Amino acid sequence: MLKEAGFDVIEACNGDECLSNYNAKSPDLVLVDIVMPEKDGITAIKQIKSKNRLAKVVAMSGGLVLTPDAYLDEAREIGADYVIPKPLDRRQLLETIQNLLG
């Protein structure tokens, strides 16, 4: 969806790969799922923000053990710029990204 909208996308299968990609490529924005293997999104957001407190982060979650709102509230508290519940609304996601990137 993001590629079709004209964005360059770097994918990661888990939290460790997300952080590795962030450290190597310094993307303009990170879209991170909260529930991921290897390292969860909360940990990834904390580590990204500790490296660059101005990093633009959008967190998403459909929940797993907790409700999506519980995960997203925590993501917001640790510095996510926007939070989006799953299933994702295409229009909302694209507008959020456009707003953050200007």
PDB file of N, CA and C in Angstrom:
ATOM      1  N   MET A   1       0.821  -1.184   0.000  1.00  0.00           N
ATOM      2  CA  MET A   1       0.000   0.000   0.000  1.00  0.00           C
ATOM      3  C   MET A   1       0.872   1.258   0.000  1.00  0.00           C
ATOM      4  N   LEU A   2       1.909   1.273   0.839  1.00  0.00           N
ATOM      5  CA  LEU A   2       2.763   2.455   0.918  1.00  0.00           C
ATOM      6  C   LEU A   2       3.598   2.636  -0.349  1.00  0.00           C
ATOM      7  N   LYS A   3       4.076   1.542  -0.910  1.00  0.00           N
ATOM      8  CA  LYS A   3       4.825   1.625  -2.168  1.00  0.00           C
ATOM      9  C   LYS A   3       3.928   2.153  -3.279  1.00  0.00           C
ATOM     10  N   GLU A   4       2.695   1.660  -3.323  1.00  0.00           N
ATOM     11  CA  GLU A   4       1.744   2.120  -4.336  1.00  0.00           C
ATOM     12  C   GLU A   4       1.450   3.611  -4.191  1.00  0.00           C
ATOM     13  N   ALA A   5       1.550   4.129  -2.981  1.00  0.00           N
ATOM     14  CA  ALA A   5       1.309   5.548  -2.728  1.00  0.00           C
ATOM     15  C   ALA A   5       2.549   6.404  -3.003  1.00  0.00           C
ATOM     16  N   GLY A   6       3.652   5.769  -3.433  1.00  0.00           N
ATOM     17  CA  GLY A   6       4.844   6.510  -3.817  1.00  0.00           C
ATOM     18  C   GLY A   6       5.936   6.615  -2.771  1.00  0.00           C
ATOM     19  N   PHE A   7       5.777   5.908  -1.657  1.00  0.00           N
ATOM     20  CA  PHE A   7       6.802   5.952  -0.610  1.00  0.00           C
ATOM     21  C   PHE A   7       7.873   4.899  -0.859  1.00  0.00           C
ATOM     22  N   ASP A   8       9.110   5.223  -0.490  1.00  0.00           N
ATOM     23  CA  ASP A   8      10.173   4.220  -0.448  1.00  0.00           C
ATOM     24  C   ASP A   8       9.990   3.474   0.861  1.00  0.00           C
ATOM     25  N   VAL A   9       9.993   2.155   0.800  1.00  0.00           N
ATOM     26  CA  VAL A   9       9.692   1.340   1.975  1.00  0.00           C
ATOM     27  C   VAL A   9      10.836   0.380   2.250  1.00  0.00           C
ATOM     28  N   ILE A  10      11.225   0.314   3.513  1.00  0.00           N
ATOM     29  CA  ILE A  10      12.201  -0.667   3.988  1.00  0.00           C
ATOM     30  C   ILE A  10      11.439  -1.565   4.950  1.00  0.00           C
ATOM     31  N   GLU A  11      11.354  -2.840   4.656  1.00  0.00           N
ATOM     32  CA  GLU A  11      10.572  -3.749   5.487  1.00  0.00           C
ATOM     33  C   GLU A  11      11.435  -4.450   6.522  1.00  0.00           C
ATOM     34  N   ALA A  12      10.799  -4.815   7.620  1.00  0.00           N
ATOM     35  CA  ALA A  12      11.454  -5.591   8.681  1.00  0.00           C
ATOM     36  C   ALA A  12      10.472  -6.644   9.169  1.00  0.00           C
ATOM     37  N   CYS A  13      10.967  -7.848   9.424  1.00  0.00           N
ATOM     38  CA  CYS A  13      10.098  -8.949   9.874  1.00  0.00           C
ATOM     39  C   CYS A  13       9.952  -9.004  11.382  1.00  0.00           C
ATOM     40  N   ASN A  14      10.813  -8.288  12.105  1.00  0.00           N
ATOM     41  CA  ASN A  14      10.760  -8.342  13.564  1.00  0.00           C
ATOM     42  C   ASN A  14      11.403  -7.091  14.146  1.00  0.00           C
ATOM     43  N   GLY A  15      11.342  -6.981  15.459  1.00  0.00           N
ATOM     44  CA  GLY A  15      11.859  -5.796  16.126  1.00  0.00           C
ATOM     45  C   GLY A  15      13.355  -5.598  15.979  1.00  0.00           C
ATOM     46  N   ASP A  16      14.119  -6.694  15.998  1.00  0.00           N
ATOM     47  CA  ASP A  16      15.570  -6.560  15.829  1.00  0.00           C
ATOM     48  C   ASP A  16      15.914  -6.024  14.444  1.00  0.00           C
ATOM     49  N   GLU A  17      15.234  -6.547  13.422  1.00  0.00           N
ATOM     50  CA  GLU A  17      15.480  -6.085  12.061  1.00  0.00           C
ATOM     51  C   GLU A  17      15.033  -4.631  11.893  1.00  0.00           C
ATOM     52  N   CYS A  18      13.956  -4.260  12.554  1.00  0.00           N
ATOM     53  CA  CYS A  18      13.480  -2.872  12.537  1.00  0.00           C
ATOM     54  C   CYS A  18      14.578  -1.939  13.053  1.00  0.00           C
ATOM     55  N   LEU A  19      15.155  -2.273  14.186  1.00  0.00           N
ATOM     56  CA  LEU A  19      16.207  -1.431  14.769  1.00  0.00           C
ATOM     57  C   LEU A  19      17.465  -1.419  13.921  1.00  0.00           C
ATOM     58  N   SER A  20      17.817  -2.567  13.380  1.00  0.00           N
ATOM     59  CA  SER A  20      18.990  -2.642  12.515  1.00  0.00           C
ATOM     60  C   SER A  20      18.805  -1.758  11.284  1.00  0.00           C
ATOM     61  N   ASN A  21      17.628  -1.834  10.664  1.00  0.00           N
ATOM     62  CA  ASN A  21      17.337  -0.995   9.502  1.00  0.00           C
ATOM     63  C   ASN A  21      17.331   0.487   9.879  1.00  0.00           C
ATOM     64  N   TYR A  22      16.757   0.802  11.023  1.00  0.00           N
ATOM     65  CA  TYR A  22      16.721   2.198  11.462  1.00  0.00           C
ATOM     66  C   TYR A  22      18.148   2.730  11.646  1.00  0.00           C
ATOM     67  N   ASN A  23      18.974   1.963  12.319  1.00  0.00           N
ATOM     68  CA  ASN A  23      20.348   2.391  12.582  1.00  0.00           C
ATOM     69  C   ASN A  23      21.161   2.525  11.302  1.00  0.00           C
ATOM     70  N   ALA A  24      20.921   1.659  10.329  1.00  0.00           N
ATOM     71  CA  ALA A  24      21.698   1.672   9.090  1.00  0.00           C
ATOM     72  C   ALA A  24      21.214   2.717   8.095  1.00  0.00           C
ATOM     73  N   LYS A  25      19.908   2.987   8.087  1.00  0.00           N
ATOM     74  CA  LYS A  25      19.351   3.805   7.005  1.00  0.00           C
ATOM     75  C   LYS A  25      18.700   5.107   7.444  1.00  0.00           C
ATOM     76  N   SER A  26      18.495   5.323   8.715  1.00  0.00           N
ATOM     77  CA  SER A  26      17.882   6.544   9.241  1.00  0.00           C
ATOM     78  C   SER A  26      16.681   7.014   8.408  1.00  0.00           C
ATOM     79  N   PRO A  27      15.625   6.216   8.375  1.00  0.00           N
ATOM     80  CA  PRO A  27      14.452   6.598   7.574  1.00  0.00           C
ATOM     81  C   PRO A  27      13.763   7.838   8.133  1.00  0.00           C
ATOM     82  N   ASP A  28      12.961   8.472   7.293  1.00  0.00           N
ATOM     83  CA  ASP A  28      12.230   9.674   7.693  1.00  0.00           C
ATOM     84  C   ASP A  28      11.119   9.357   8.687  1.00  0.00           C
ATOM     85  N   LEU A  29      10.622   8.123   8.654  1.00  0.00           N
ATOM     86  CA  LEU A  29       9.507   7.721   9.502  1.00  0.00           C
ATOM     87  C   LEU A  29       9.578   6.217   9.736  1.00  0.00           C
ATOM     88  N   VAL A  30       9.164   5.799  10.931  1.00  0.00           N
ATOM     89  CA  VAL A  30       9.101   4.374  11.251  1.00  0.00           C
ATOM     90  C   VAL A  30       7.646   4.028  11.561  1.00  0.00           C
ATOM     91  N   LEU A  31       7.124   3.038  10.846  1.00  0.00           N
ATOM     92  CA  LEU A  31       5.802   2.480  11.114  1.00  0.00           C
ATOM     93  C   LEU A  31       6.056   1.150  11.789  1.00  0.00           C
ATOM     94  N   VAL A  32       5.672   1.041  13.058  1.00  0.00           N
ATOM     95  CA  VAL A  32       6.045  -0.140  13.832  1.00  0.00           C
ATOM     96  C   VAL A  32       4.807  -0.804  14.440  1.00  0.00           C
ATOM     97  N   ASP A  33       4.756  -2.115  14.309  1.00  0.00           N
ATOM     98  CA  ASP A  33       3.708  -2.890  14.968  1.00  0.00           C
ATOM     99  C   ASP A  33       4.149  -3.108  16.411  1.00  0.00           C
ATOM    100  N   ILE A  34       3.220  -3.143  17.320  1.00  0.00           N
ATOM    101  CA  ILE A  34       3.568  -3.340  18.724  1.00  0.00           C
ATOM    102  C   ILE A  34       3.905  -4.800  19.006  1.00  0.00           C
ATOM    103  N   VAL A  35       3.137  -5.711  18.464  1.00  0.00           N
ATOM    104  CA  VAL A  35       3.370  -7.132  18.713  1.00  0.00           C
ATOM    105  C   VAL A  35       4.197  -7.686  17.555  1.00  0.00           C
ATOM    106  N   MET A  36       5.492  -7.921  17.824  1.00  0.00           N
ATOM    107  CA  MET A  36       6.421  -8.457  16.829  1.00  0.00           C
ATOM    108  C   MET A  36       7.314  -9.499  17.494  1.00  0.00           C
ATOM    109  N   PRO A  37       7.837 -10.417  16.690  1.00  0.00           N
ATOM    110  CA  PRO A  37       8.802 -11.368  17.253  1.00  0.00           C
ATOM    111  C   PRO A  37      10.154 -10.697  17.529  1.00  0.00           C
ATOM    112  N   GLU A  38      10.967 -11.377  18.270  1.00  0.00           N
ATOM    113  CA  GLU A  38      12.339 -10.971  18.611  1.00  0.00           C
ATOM    114  C   GLU A  38      12.388  -9.785  19.576  1.00  0.00           C
ATOM    115  N   LYS A  39      11.733  -8.719  19.230  1.00  0.00           N
ATOM    116  CA  LYS A  39      11.713  -7.522  20.073  1.00  0.00           C
ATOM    117  C   LYS A  39      10.390  -6.842  19.784  1.00  0.00           C
ATOM    118  N   ASP A  40       9.631  -6.530  20.817  1.00  0.00           N
ATOM    119  CA  ASP A  40       8.316  -5.925  20.570  1.00  0.00           C
ATOM    120  C   ASP A  40       8.450  -4.466  20.158  1.00  0.00           C
ATOM    121  N   GLY A  41       7.351  -3.915  19.663  1.00  0.00           N
ATOM    122  CA  GLY A  41       7.350  -2.544  19.189  1.00  0.00           C
ATOM    123  C   GLY A  41       7.601  -1.511  20.267  1.00  0.00           C
ATOM    124  N   ILE A  42       7.162  -1.788  21.483  1.00  0.00           N
ATOM    125  CA  ILE A  42       7.414  -0.854  22.591  1.00  0.00           C
ATOM    126  C   ILE A  42       8.913  -0.704  22.809  1.00  0.00           C
ATOM    127  N   THR A  43       9.618  -1.822  22.843  1.00  0.00           N
ATOM    128  CA  THR A  43      11.074  -1.795  23.013  1.00  0.00           C
ATOM    129  C   THR A  43      11.731  -1.095  21.829  1.00  0.00           C
ATOM    130  N   ALA A  44      11.259  -1.384  20.625  1.00  0.00           N
ATOM    131  CA  ALA A  44      11.828  -0.751  19.434  1.00  0.00           C
ATOM    132  C   ALA A  44      11.636   0.764  19.486  1.00  0.00           C
ATOM    133  N   ILE A  45      10.444   1.210  19.855  1.00  0.00           N
ATOM    134  CA  ILE A  45      10.186   2.652  19.948  1.00  0.00           C
ATOM    135  C   ILE A  45      11.107   3.287  20.981  1.00  0.00           C
ATOM    136  N   LYS A  46      11.235   2.662  22.140  1.00  0.00           N
ATOM    137  CA  LYS A  46      12.123   3.203  23.183  1.00  0.00           C
ATOM    138  C   LYS A  46      13.546   3.356  22.659  1.00  0.00           C
ATOM    139  N   GLN A  47      14.039   2.338  21.954  1.00  0.00           N
ATOM    140  CA  GLN A  47      15.418   2.381  21.474  1.00  0.00           C
ATOM    141  C   GLN A  47      15.590   3.403  20.356  1.00  0.00           C
ATOM    142  N   ILE A  48      14.598   3.513  19.482  1.00  0.00           N
ATOM    143  CA  ILE A  48      14.667   4.513  18.412  1.00  0.00           C
ATOM    144  C   ILE A  48      14.655   5.908  19.015  1.00  0.00           C
ATOM    145  N   LYS A  49      13.746   6.163  19.956  1.00  0.00           N
ATOM    146  CA  LYS A  49      13.638   7.489  20.570  1.00  0.00           C
ATOM    147  C   LYS A  49      14.855   7.819  21.430  1.00  0.00           C
ATOM    148  N   SER A  50      15.492   6.801  22.024  1.00  0.00           N
ATOM    149  CA  SER A  50      16.698   7.084  22.812  1.00  0.00           C
ATOM    150  C   SER A  50      17.853   7.484  21.897  1.00  0.00           C
ATOM    151  N   LYS A  51      17.849   6.976  20.685  1.00  0.00           N
ATOM    152  CA  LYS A  51      18.881   7.354  19.721  1.00  0.00           C
ATOM    153  C   LYS A  51      18.581   8.715  19.100  1.00  0.00           C
ATOM    154  N   ASN A  52      17.300   8.961  18.827  1.00  0.00           N
ATOM    155  CA  ASN A  52      16.897  10.214  18.195  1.00  0.00           C
ATOM    156  C   ASN A  52      15.501  10.575  18.695  1.00  0.00           C
ATOM    157  N   ARG A  53      15.435  11.462  19.666  1.00  0.00           N
ATOM    158  CA  ARG A  53      14.137  11.795  20.265  1.00  0.00           C
ATOM    159  C   ARG A  53      13.198  12.477  19.278  1.00  0.00           C
ATOM    160  N   LEU A  54      13.725  12.983  18.160  1.00  0.00           N
ATOM    161  CA  LEU A  54      12.896  13.619  17.140  1.00  0.00           C
ATOM    162  C   LEU A  54      12.446  12.655  16.040  1.00  0.00           C
ATOM    163  N   ALA A  55      12.844  11.394  16.152  1.00  0.00           N
ATOM    164  CA  ALA A  55      12.437  10.398  15.151  1.00  0.00           C
ATOM    165  C   ALA A  55      10.918  10.341  15.064  1.00  0.00           C
ATOM    166  N   LYS A  56      10.410  10.242  13.860  1.00  0.00           N
ATOM    167  CA  LYS A  56       8.963  10.175  13.640  1.00  0.00           C
ATOM    168  C   LYS A  56       8.539   8.716  13.656  1.00  0.00           C
ATOM    169  N   VAL A  57       7.634   8.396  14.590  1.00  0.00           N
ATOM    170  CA  VAL A  57       7.207   7.001  14.780  1.00  0.00           C
ATOM    171  C   VAL A  57       5.684   6.922  14.792  1.00  0.00           C
ATOM    172  N   VAL A  58       5.160   5.990  13.996  1.00  0.00           N
ATOM    173  CA  VAL A  58       3.744   5.660  14.007  1.00  0.00           C
ATOM    174  C   VAL A  58       3.641   4.220  14.504  1.00  0.00           C
ATOM    175  N   ALA A  59       2.882   4.020  15.568  1.00  0.00           N
ATOM    176  CA  ALA A  59       2.696   2.681  16.140  1.00  0.00           C
ATOM    177  C   ALA A  59       1.324   2.160  15.742  1.00  0.00           C
ATOM    178  N   MET A  60       1.264   0.854  15.484  1.00  0.00           N
ATOM    179  CA  MET A  60      -0.023   0.226  15.166  1.00  0.00           C
ATOM    180  C   MET A  60      -0.146  -1.064  15.960  1.00  0.00           C
ATOM    181  N   SER A  61      -1.392  -1.428  16.256  1.00  0.00           N
ATOM    182  CA  SER A  61      -1.617  -2.680  16.971  1.00  0.00           C
ATOM    183  C   SER A  61      -3.055  -3.139  16.801  1.00  0.00           C
ATOM    184  N   GLY A  62      -3.187  -4.446  16.744  1.00  0.00           N
ATOM    185  CA  GLY A  62      -4.505  -5.068  16.749  1.00  0.00           C
ATOM    186  C   GLY A  62      -4.729  -5.780  18.064  1.00  0.00           C
ATOM    187  N   GLY A  63      -3.776  -5.624  18.986  1.00  0.00           N
ATOM    188  CA  GLY A  63      -3.881  -6.300  20.270  1.00  0.00           C
ATOM    189  C   GLY A  63      -3.410  -7.736  20.151  1.00  0.00           C
ATOM    190  N   LEU A  64      -3.342  -8.397  21.239  1.00  0.00           N
ATOM    191  CA  LEU A  64      -3.025  -9.824  21.298  1.00  0.00           C
ATOM    192  C   LEU A  64      -3.486 -10.290  22.658  1.00  0.00           C
ATOM    193  N   VAL A  65      -2.697 -10.004  23.672  1.00  0.00           N
ATOM    194  CA  VAL A  65      -3.088 -10.329  25.043  1.00  0.00           C
ATOM    195  C   VAL A  65      -3.954  -9.205  25.595  1.00  0.00           C
ATOM    196  N   LEU A  66      -3.560  -7.975  25.311  1.00  0.00           N
ATOM    197  CA  LEU A  66      -4.295  -6.785  25.750  1.00  0.00           C
ATOM    198  C   LEU A  66      -5.107  -6.234  24.589  1.00  0.00           C
ATOM    199  N   THR A  67      -5.955  -5.278  24.862  1.00  0.00           N
ATOM    200  CA  THR A  67      -6.694  -4.622  23.789  1.00  0.00           C
ATOM    201  C   THR A  67      -5.747  -3.733  22.995  1.00  0.00           C
ATOM    202  N   PRO A  68      -6.077  -3.444  21.735  1.00  0.00           N
ATOM    203  CA  PRO A  68      -5.210  -2.543  20.968  1.00  0.00           C
ATOM    204  C   PRO A  68      -5.005  -1.203  21.673  1.00  0.00           C
ATOM    205  N   ASP A  69      -6.051  -0.687  22.320  1.00  0.00           N
ATOM    206  CA  ASP A  69      -5.927   0.605  23.003  1.00  0.00           C
ATOM    207  C   ASP A  69      -4.872   0.575  24.102  1.00  0.00           C
ATOM    208  N   ALA A  70      -4.767  -0.521  24.831  1.00  0.00           N
ATOM    209  CA  ALA A  70      -3.773  -0.613  25.905  1.00  0.00           C
ATOM    210  C   ALA A  70      -2.357  -0.531  25.334  1.00  0.00           C
ATOM    211  N   TYR A  71      -2.113  -1.270  24.256  1.00  0.00           N
ATOM    212  CA  TYR A  71      -0.792  -1.216  23.616  1.00  0.00           C
ATOM    213  C   TYR A  71      -0.518   0.167  23.047  1.00  0.00           C
ATOM    214  N   LEU A  72      -1.514   0.744  22.395  1.00  0.00           N
ATOM    215  CA  LEU A  72      -1.314   2.036  21.750  1.00  0.00           C
ATOM    216  C   LEU A  72      -1.163   3.165  22.753  1.00  0.00           C
ATOM    217  N   ASP A  73      -1.847   3.078  23.878  1.00  0.00           N
ATOM    218  CA  ASP A  73      -1.653   4.074  24.947  1.00  0.00           C
ATOM    219  C   ASP A  73      -0.215   4.053  25.440  1.00  0.00           C
ATOM    220  N   GLU A  74       0.320   2.855  25.628  1.00  0.00           N
ATOM    221  CA  GLU A  74       1.713   2.746  26.078  1.00  0.00           C
ATOM    222  C   GLU A  74       2.666   3.301  25.021  1.00  0.00           C
ATOM    223  N   ALA A  75       2.408   3.001  23.754  1.00  0.00           N
ATOM    224  CA  ALA A  75       3.257   3.519  22.676  1.00  0.00           C
ATOM    225  C   ALA A  75       3.241   5.045  22.667  1.00  0.00           C
ATOM    226  N   ARG A  76       2.080   5.631  22.864  1.00  0.00           N
ATOM    227  CA  ARG A  76       1.950   7.089  22.900  1.00  0.00           C
ATOM    228  C   ARG A  76       2.742   7.657  24.079  1.00  0.00           C
ATOM    229  N   GLU A  77       2.654   6.992  25.224  1.00  0.00           N
ATOM    230  CA  GLU A  77       3.351   7.460  26.430  1.00  0.00           C
ATOM    231  C   GLU A  77       4.869   7.471  26.269  1.00  0.00           C
ATOM    232  N   ILE A  78       5.404   6.551  25.479  1.00  0.00           N
ATOM    233  CA  ILE A  78       6.862   6.494  25.326  1.00  0.00           C
ATOM    234  C   ILE A  78       7.366   7.277  24.122  1.00  0.00           C
ATOM    235  N   GLY A  79       6.449   7.933  23.396  1.00  0.00           N
ATOM    236  CA  GLY A  79       6.919   8.845  22.358  1.00  0.00           C
ATOM    237  C   GLY A  79       6.447   8.628  20.940  1.00  0.00           C
ATOM    238  N   ALA A  80       5.576   7.647  20.686  1.00  0.00           N
ATOM    239  CA  ALA A  80       5.053   7.502  19.325  1.00  0.00           C
ATOM    240  C   ALA A  80       4.297   8.770  18.952  1.00  0.00           C
ATOM    241  N   ASP A  81       4.512   9.257  17.756  1.00  0.00           N
ATOM    242  CA  ASP A  81       3.871  10.490  17.307  1.00  0.00           C
ATOM    243  C   ASP A  81       2.394  10.275  16.996  1.00  0.00           C
ATOM    244  N   TYR A  82       2.080   9.139  16.451  1.00  0.00           N
ATOM    245  CA  TYR A  82       0.705   8.747  16.158  1.00  0.00           C
ATOM    246  C   TYR A  82       0.536   7.277  16.480  1.00  0.00           C
ATOM    247  N   VAL A  83      -0.677   6.899  16.813  1.00  0.00           N
ATOM    248  CA  VAL A  83      -1.003   5.489  17.019  1.00  0.00           C
ATOM    249  C   VAL A  83      -2.254   5.165  16.205  1.00  0.00           C
ATOM    250  N   ILE A  84      -2.258   3.981  15.621  1.00  0.00           N
ATOM    251  CA  ILE A  84      -3.356   3.576  14.749  1.00  0.00           C
ATOM    252  C   ILE A  84      -3.758   2.147  15.093  1.00  0.00           C
ATOM    253  N   PRO A  85      -5.041   1.919  15.364  1.00  0.00           N
ATOM    254  CA  PRO A  85      -5.494   0.550  15.622  1.00  0.00           C
ATOM    255  C   PRO A  85      -5.600  -0.252  14.316  1.00  0.00           C
ATOM    256  N   LYS A  86      -5.420  -1.552  14.430  1.00  0.00           N
ATOM    257  CA  LYS A  86      -5.635  -2.442  13.298  1.00  0.00           C
ATOM    258  C   LYS A  86      -7.034  -3.043  13.419  1.00  0.00           C
ATOM    259  N   PRO A  87      -7.673  -3.369  12.338  1.00  0.00           N
ATOM    260  CA  PRO A  87      -7.151  -3.298  10.972  1.00  0.00           C
ATOM    261  C   PRO A  87      -6.971  -1.850  10.526  1.00  0.00           C
ATOM    262  N   LEU A  88      -5.933  -1.649   9.724  1.00  0.00           N
ATOM    263  CA  LEU A  88      -5.577  -0.308   9.292  1.00  0.00           C
ATOM    264  C   LEU A  88      -6.594   0.228   8.296  1.00  0.00           C
ATOM    265  N   ASP A  89      -6.897   1.486   8.435  1.00  0.00           N
ATOM    266  CA  ASP A  89      -7.698   2.208   7.457  1.00  0.00           C
ATOM    267  C   ASP A  89      -6.709   2.890   6.515  1.00  0.00           C
ATOM    268  N   ARG A  90      -6.737   2.538   5.256  1.00  0.00           N
ATOM    269  CA  ARG A  90      -5.767   3.030   4.275  1.00  0.00           C
ATOM    270  C   ARG A  90      -5.700   4.561   4.280  1.00  0.00           C
ATOM    271  N   ARG A  91      -6.840   5.215   4.199  1.00  0.00           N
ATOM    272  CA  ARG A  91      -6.885   6.671   4.150  1.00  0.00           C
ATOM    273  C   ARG A  91      -6.264   7.278   5.403  1.00  0.00           C
ATOM    274  N   GLN A  92      -6.616   6.735   6.571  1.00  0.00           N
ATOM    275  CA  GLN A  92      -6.083   7.246   7.835  1.00  0.00           C
ATOM    276  C   GLN A  92      -4.567   7.089   7.899  1.00  0.00           C
ATOM    277  N   LEU A  93      -4.074   5.928   7.475  1.00  0.00           N
ATOM    278  CA  LEU A  93      -2.631   5.695   7.515  1.00  0.00           C
ATOM    279  C   LEU A  93      -1.903   6.664   6.592  1.00  0.00           C
ATOM    280  N   LEU A  94      -2.375   6.822   5.369  1.00  0.00           N
ATOM    281  CA  LEU A  94      -1.714   7.715   4.426  1.00  0.00           C
ATOM    282  C   LEU A  94      -1.779   9.176   4.887  1.00  0.00           C
ATOM    283  N   GLU A  95      -2.911   9.595   5.431  1.00  0.00           N
ATOM    284  CA  GLU A  95      -3.012  10.961   5.954  1.00  0.00           C
ATOM    285  C   GLU A  95      -2.068  11.173   7.131  1.00  0.00           C
ATOM    286  N   THR A  96      -1.965  10.188   8.000  1.00  0.00           N
ATOM    287  CA  THR A  96      -1.073  10.282   9.156  1.00  0.00           C
ATOM    288  C   THR A  96       0.373  10.448   8.692  1.00  0.00           C
ATOM    289  N   ILE A  97       0.779   9.639   7.745  1.00  0.00           N
ATOM    290  CA  ILE A  97       2.148   9.698   7.241  1.00  0.00           C
ATOM    291  C   ILE A  97       2.404  11.044   6.559  1.00  0.00           C
ATOM    292  N   GLN A  98       1.469  11.487   5.734  1.00  0.00           N
ATOM    293  CA  GLN A  98       1.621  12.786   5.075  1.00  0.00           C
ATOM    294  C   GLN A  98       1.747  13.916   6.088  1.00  0.00           C
ATOM    295  N   ASN A  99       0.925  13.870   7.145  1.00  0.00           N
ATOM    296  CA  ASN A  99       0.988  14.898   8.186  1.00  0.00           C
ATOM    297  C   ASN A  99       2.340  14.924   8.871  1.00  0.00           C
ATOM    298  N   LEU A 100       2.859  13.749   9.185  1.00  0.00           N
ATOM    299  CA  LEU A 100       4.161  13.689   9.861  1.00  0.00           C
ATOM    300  C   LEU A 100       5.312  14.124   8.973  1.00  0.00           C
ATOM    301  N   LEU A 101       5.238  13.763   7.709  1.00  0.00           N
ATOM    302  CA  LEU A 101       6.345  14.088   6.795  1.00  0.00           C
ATOM    303  C   LEU A 101       6.215  15.487   6.203  1.00  0.00           C
ATOM    304  N   GLY A 102       5.049  16.104   6.364  1.00  0.00           N
ATOM    305  CA  GLY A 102       4.854  17.456   5.861  1.00  0.00           C
ATOM    306  C   GLY A 102       4.578  17.427   4.397  1.00  0.00           C
TER     307      GLY A 102
END
